[in-house]
Amino acid sequence: MKWGHRRVEVSIGSARITGPWAYLVRTLLFVVGCGLLAVALAHTGDLGTWSQRWGVMPVATVFALVLVVGVILFYLGAVAIVAWLIG
């Protein structure tokens, strides 16, 4: 079987994306997830300053939310890419 000729679907809620656009969506999910995680890592040094300015709980909550969203997007993209590579 040739690579890229499998039927692929991406379902987000009631929207269903099939074909080559599904690969693009999954790749974008992976890239956006990696980007969010990289930005979060780059700004871990600023957490102390932000905590003094806005409070510990809001900063910790938003930081955790950004990490969770980044990990979910990374996971969805990575699983799709690995599944496509393995078959």
N, C-alpha and C. Protein backbone atom coordinates (compact mmCIF):
# COMPACT_ATOMS: atom_id res chain seq x y z
N MET A 1 0.84 -1.17 0.00
CA MET A 1 0.00 0.00 0.00
C MET A 1 0.89 1.24 0.00
N LYS A 2 0.57 2.19 -0.83
CA LYS A 2 1.35 3.42 -0.90
C LYS A 2 0.97 4.35 0.25
N TRP A 3 1.95 5.09 0.70
CA TRP A 3 1.70 6.05 1.78
C TRP A 3 0.83 7.17 1.25
N GLY A 4 -0.06 7.65 2.07
CA GLY A 4 -0.89 8.78 1.70
C GLY A 4 -2.15 8.39 0.94
N HIS A 5 -2.39 7.09 0.74
CA HIS A 5 -3.57 6.67 0.00
C HIS A 5 -4.60 6.00 0.90
N ARG A 6 -4.44 6.16 2.19
CA ARG A 6 -5.42 5.62 3.11
C ARG A 6 -6.53 6.64 3.33
N ARG A 7 -7.71 6.14 3.68
CA ARG A 7 -8.82 7.04 3.96
C ARG A 7 -8.67 7.54 5.39
N VAL A 8 -8.67 8.84 5.55
CA VAL A 8 -8.45 9.43 6.86
C VAL A 8 -9.61 10.37 7.16
N GLU A 9 -10.07 10.35 8.40
CA GLU A 9 -11.13 11.24 8.84
C GLU A 9 -10.69 11.95 10.10
N VAL A 10 -11.10 13.21 10.24
CA VAL A 10 -10.93 13.96 11.46
C VAL A 10 -12.31 14.45 11.86
N SER A 11 -12.74 14.09 13.05
CA SER A 11 -14.05 14.53 13.54
C SER A 11 -13.85 15.45 14.72
N ILE A 12 -14.31 16.68 14.58
CA ILE A 12 -14.28 17.65 15.66
C ILE A 12 -15.73 18.07 15.88
N GLY A 13 -16.34 17.54 16.91
CA GLY A 13 -17.75 17.78 17.13
C GLY A 13 -18.56 17.13 16.03
N SER A 14 -19.40 17.91 15.38
CA SER A 14 -20.21 17.37 14.29
C SER A 14 -19.54 17.56 12.93
N ALA A 15 -18.44 18.29 12.90
CA ALA A 15 -17.73 18.52 11.64
C ALA A 15 -16.85 17.31 11.32
N ARG A 16 -16.88 16.87 10.09
CA ARG A 16 -16.08 15.73 9.68
C ARG A 16 -15.23 16.14 8.48
N ILE A 17 -13.92 15.95 8.59
CA ILE A 17 -12.99 16.30 7.53
C ILE A 17 -12.37 15.00 7.03
N THR A 18 -12.39 14.80 5.73
CA THR A 18 -11.82 13.57 5.17
C THR A 18 -10.82 13.92 4.08
N GLY A 19 -10.04 12.92 3.69
CA GLY A 19 -9.11 13.07 2.58
C GLY A 19 -7.84 13.78 2.97
N PRO A 20 -7.23 14.46 2.00
CA PRO A 20 -5.95 15.10 2.26
C PRO A 20 -6.04 16.23 3.29
N TRP A 21 -7.22 16.84 3.43
CA TRP A 21 -7.37 17.91 4.42
C TRP A 21 -7.23 17.36 5.83
N ALA A 22 -7.56 16.10 6.04
CA ALA A 22 -7.43 15.49 7.36
C ALA A 22 -5.97 15.43 7.78
N TYR A 23 -5.09 15.12 6.85
CA TYR A 23 -3.66 15.11 7.16
C TYR A 23 -3.19 16.50 7.57
N LEU A 24 -3.66 17.51 6.84
CA LEU A 24 -3.27 18.88 7.15
C LEU A 24 -3.78 19.29 8.53
N VAL A 25 -5.02 18.94 8.84
CA VAL A 25 -5.58 19.30 10.15
C VAL A 25 -4.81 18.61 11.27
N ARG A 26 -4.51 17.34 11.10
CA ARG A 26 -3.77 16.61 12.13
C ARG A 26 -2.36 17.14 12.29
N THR A 27 -1.74 17.50 11.20
CA THR A 27 -0.39 18.07 11.28
C THR A 27 -0.44 19.43 11.97
N LEU A 28 -1.45 20.22 11.67
CA LEU A 28 -1.59 21.52 12.33
C LEU A 28 -1.85 21.36 13.83
N LEU A 29 -2.65 20.37 14.21
CA LEU A 29 -2.87 20.10 15.64
C LEU A 29 -1.54 19.80 16.33
N PHE A 30 -0.73 18.98 15.70
CA PHE A 30 0.58 18.63 16.26
C PHE A 30 1.47 19.86 16.39
N VAL A 31 1.52 20.68 15.35
CA VAL A 31 2.39 21.86 15.35
C VAL A 31 1.92 22.88 16.38
N VAL A 32 0.61 23.10 16.45
CA VAL A 32 0.08 24.05 17.43
C VAL A 32 0.33 23.54 18.85
N GLY A 33 0.15 22.25 19.08
CA GLY A 33 0.43 21.68 20.39
C GLY A 33 1.89 21.84 20.78
N CYS A 34 2.79 21.57 19.85
CA CYS A 34 4.23 21.76 20.11
C CYS A 34 4.54 23.22 20.39
N GLY A 35 3.90 24.10 19.64
CA GLY A 35 4.11 25.54 19.84
C GLY A 35 3.66 26.00 21.21
N LEU A 36 2.47 25.56 21.64
CA LEU A 36 1.98 25.94 22.97
C LEU A 36 2.90 25.42 24.06
N LEU A 37 3.36 24.19 23.92
CA LEU A 37 4.26 23.63 24.94
C LEU A 37 5.61 24.37 24.95
N ALA A 38 6.10 24.74 23.78
CA ALA A 38 7.36 25.48 23.71
C ALA A 38 7.22 26.87 24.32
N VAL A 39 6.11 27.53 24.06
CA VAL A 39 5.88 28.86 24.64
C VAL A 39 5.75 28.76 26.16
N ALA A 40 5.04 27.74 26.63
CA ALA A 40 4.91 27.55 28.08
C ALA A 40 6.27 27.29 28.73
N LEU A 41 7.08 26.47 28.09
CA LEU A 41 8.42 26.20 28.62
C LEU A 41 9.28 27.47 28.62
N ALA A 42 9.16 28.26 27.57
CA ALA A 42 9.97 29.48 27.47
C ALA A 42 9.60 30.51 28.54
N HIS A 43 8.37 30.45 29.02
CA HIS A 43 7.91 31.46 29.98
C HIS A 43 7.80 30.94 31.42
N THR A 44 8.37 29.80 31.71
CA THR A 44 8.32 29.31 33.09
C THR A 44 9.09 30.22 34.03
N GLY A 45 10.10 30.90 33.54
CA GLY A 45 10.85 31.83 34.37
C GLY A 45 10.07 33.07 34.75
N ASP A 46 9.03 33.38 33.98
CA ASP A 46 8.21 34.57 34.26
C ASP A 46 7.08 34.30 35.24
N LEU A 47 6.90 33.06 35.65
CA LEU A 47 5.77 32.72 36.53
C LEU A 47 5.84 33.48 37.86
N GLY A 48 7.02 33.65 38.40
CA GLY A 48 7.16 34.39 39.67
C GLY A 48 6.74 35.83 39.53
N THR A 49 7.19 36.49 38.48
CA THR A 49 6.82 37.88 38.24
C THR A 49 5.32 38.02 38.01
N TRP A 50 4.76 37.12 37.21
CA TRP A 50 3.32 37.17 36.94
C TRP A 50 2.53 36.91 38.21
N SER A 51 3.03 36.00 39.07
CA SER A 51 2.33 35.69 40.32
C SER A 51 2.30 36.89 41.25
N GLN A 52 3.39 37.65 41.30
CA GLN A 52 3.41 38.86 42.12
C GLN A 52 2.48 39.93 41.56
N ARG A 53 2.36 39.97 40.25
CA ARG A 53 1.54 41.01 39.62
C ARG A 53 0.05 40.69 39.66
N TRP A 54 -0.32 39.41 39.34
CA TRP A 54 -1.74 39.06 39.20
C TRP A 54 -2.23 38.07 40.24
N GLY A 55 -1.36 37.53 41.04
CA GLY A 55 -1.76 36.54 42.04
C GLY A 55 -1.38 35.13 41.62
N VAL A 56 -1.19 34.28 42.60
CA VAL A 56 -0.69 32.93 42.34
C VAL A 56 -1.75 32.06 41.66
N MET A 57 -2.97 32.09 42.16
CA MET A 57 -4.01 31.20 41.63
C MET A 57 -4.36 31.48 40.17
N PRO A 58 -4.58 32.73 39.76
CA PRO A 58 -4.88 32.95 38.34
C PRO A 58 -3.74 32.53 37.42
N VAL A 59 -2.52 32.80 37.82
CA VAL A 59 -1.37 32.46 36.99
C VAL A 59 -1.22 30.94 36.90
N ALA A 60 -1.34 30.26 38.03
CA ALA A 60 -1.21 28.80 38.02
C ALA A 60 -2.34 28.16 37.21
N THR A 61 -3.55 28.70 37.32
CA THR A 61 -4.69 28.16 36.59
C THR A 61 -4.53 28.33 35.09
N VAL A 62 -4.15 29.52 34.66
CA VAL A 62 -3.98 29.77 33.23
C VAL A 62 -2.80 28.98 32.68
N PHE A 63 -1.72 28.90 33.45
CA PHE A 63 -0.56 28.13 32.99
C PHE A 63 -0.90 26.65 32.85
N ALA A 64 -1.63 26.11 33.82
CA ALA A 64 -2.04 24.71 33.74
C ALA A 64 -2.99 24.50 32.56
N LEU A 65 -3.89 25.43 32.32
CA LEU A 65 -4.81 25.33 31.19
C LEU A 65 -4.07 25.34 29.86
N VAL A 66 -3.08 26.20 29.74
CA VAL A 66 -2.27 26.25 28.51
C VAL A 66 -1.52 24.93 28.32
N LEU A 67 -0.97 24.39 29.39
CA LEU A 67 -0.27 23.11 29.30
C LEU A 67 -1.22 21.99 28.90
N VAL A 68 -2.41 21.95 29.49
CA VAL A 68 -3.36 20.89 29.17
C VAL A 68 -3.79 20.97 27.71
N VAL A 69 -4.11 22.16 27.23
CA VAL A 69 -4.51 22.32 25.83
C VAL A 69 -3.36 21.94 24.90
N GLY A 70 -2.15 22.35 25.24
CA GLY A 70 -0.99 22.00 24.43
C GLY A 70 -0.76 20.50 24.37
N VAL A 71 -0.89 19.83 25.51
CA VAL A 71 -0.69 18.38 25.54
C VAL A 71 -1.78 17.66 24.76
N ILE A 72 -3.03 18.11 24.87
CA ILE A 72 -4.11 17.47 24.13
C ILE A 72 -3.92 17.62 22.63
N LEU A 73 -3.58 18.83 22.18
CA LEU A 73 -3.34 19.03 20.75
C LEU A 73 -2.14 18.23 20.26
N PHE A 74 -1.08 18.23 21.06
CA PHE A 74 0.10 17.43 20.71
C PHE A 74 -0.27 15.95 20.60
N TYR A 75 -1.03 15.46 21.56
CA TYR A 75 -1.42 14.05 21.57
C TYR A 75 -2.27 13.69 20.36
N LEU A 76 -3.28 14.51 20.07
CA LEU A 76 -4.15 14.22 18.93
C LEU A 76 -3.36 14.20 17.62
N GLY A 77 -2.47 15.16 17.46
CA GLY A 77 -1.65 15.19 16.25
C GLY A 77 -0.65 14.05 16.19
N ALA A 78 0.01 13.76 17.32
CA ALA A 78 1.02 12.72 17.33
C ALA A 78 0.42 11.34 17.11
N VAL A 79 -0.72 11.07 17.71
CA VAL A 79 -1.38 9.78 17.52
C VAL A 79 -1.77 9.59 16.06
N ALA A 80 -2.28 10.64 15.45
CA ALA A 80 -2.68 10.54 14.05
C ALA A 80 -1.47 10.32 13.14
N ILE A 81 -0.39 11.02 13.43
CA ILE A 81 0.82 10.88 12.60
C ILE A 81 1.41 9.47 12.76
N VAL A 82 1.48 8.99 14.00
CA VAL A 82 2.02 7.64 14.23
C VAL A 82 1.11 6.59 13.60
N ALA A 83 -0.20 6.75 13.73
CA ALA A 83 -1.13 5.80 13.11
C ALA A 83 -0.98 5.79 11.60
N TRP A 84 -0.76 6.95 11.02
CA TRP A 84 -0.58 7.02 9.57
C TRP A 84 0.73 6.35 9.16
N LEU A 85 1.78 6.54 9.97
CA LEU A 85 3.07 5.93 9.63
C LEU A 85 3.04 4.41 9.79
N ILE A 86 2.40 3.94 10.85
CA ILE A 86 2.36 2.49 11.10
C ILE A 86 1.36 1.82 10.17
N GLY A 87 0.25 2.48 9.93
CA GLY A 87 -0.74 1.90 9.03
C GLY A 87 -1.91 1.43 9.70
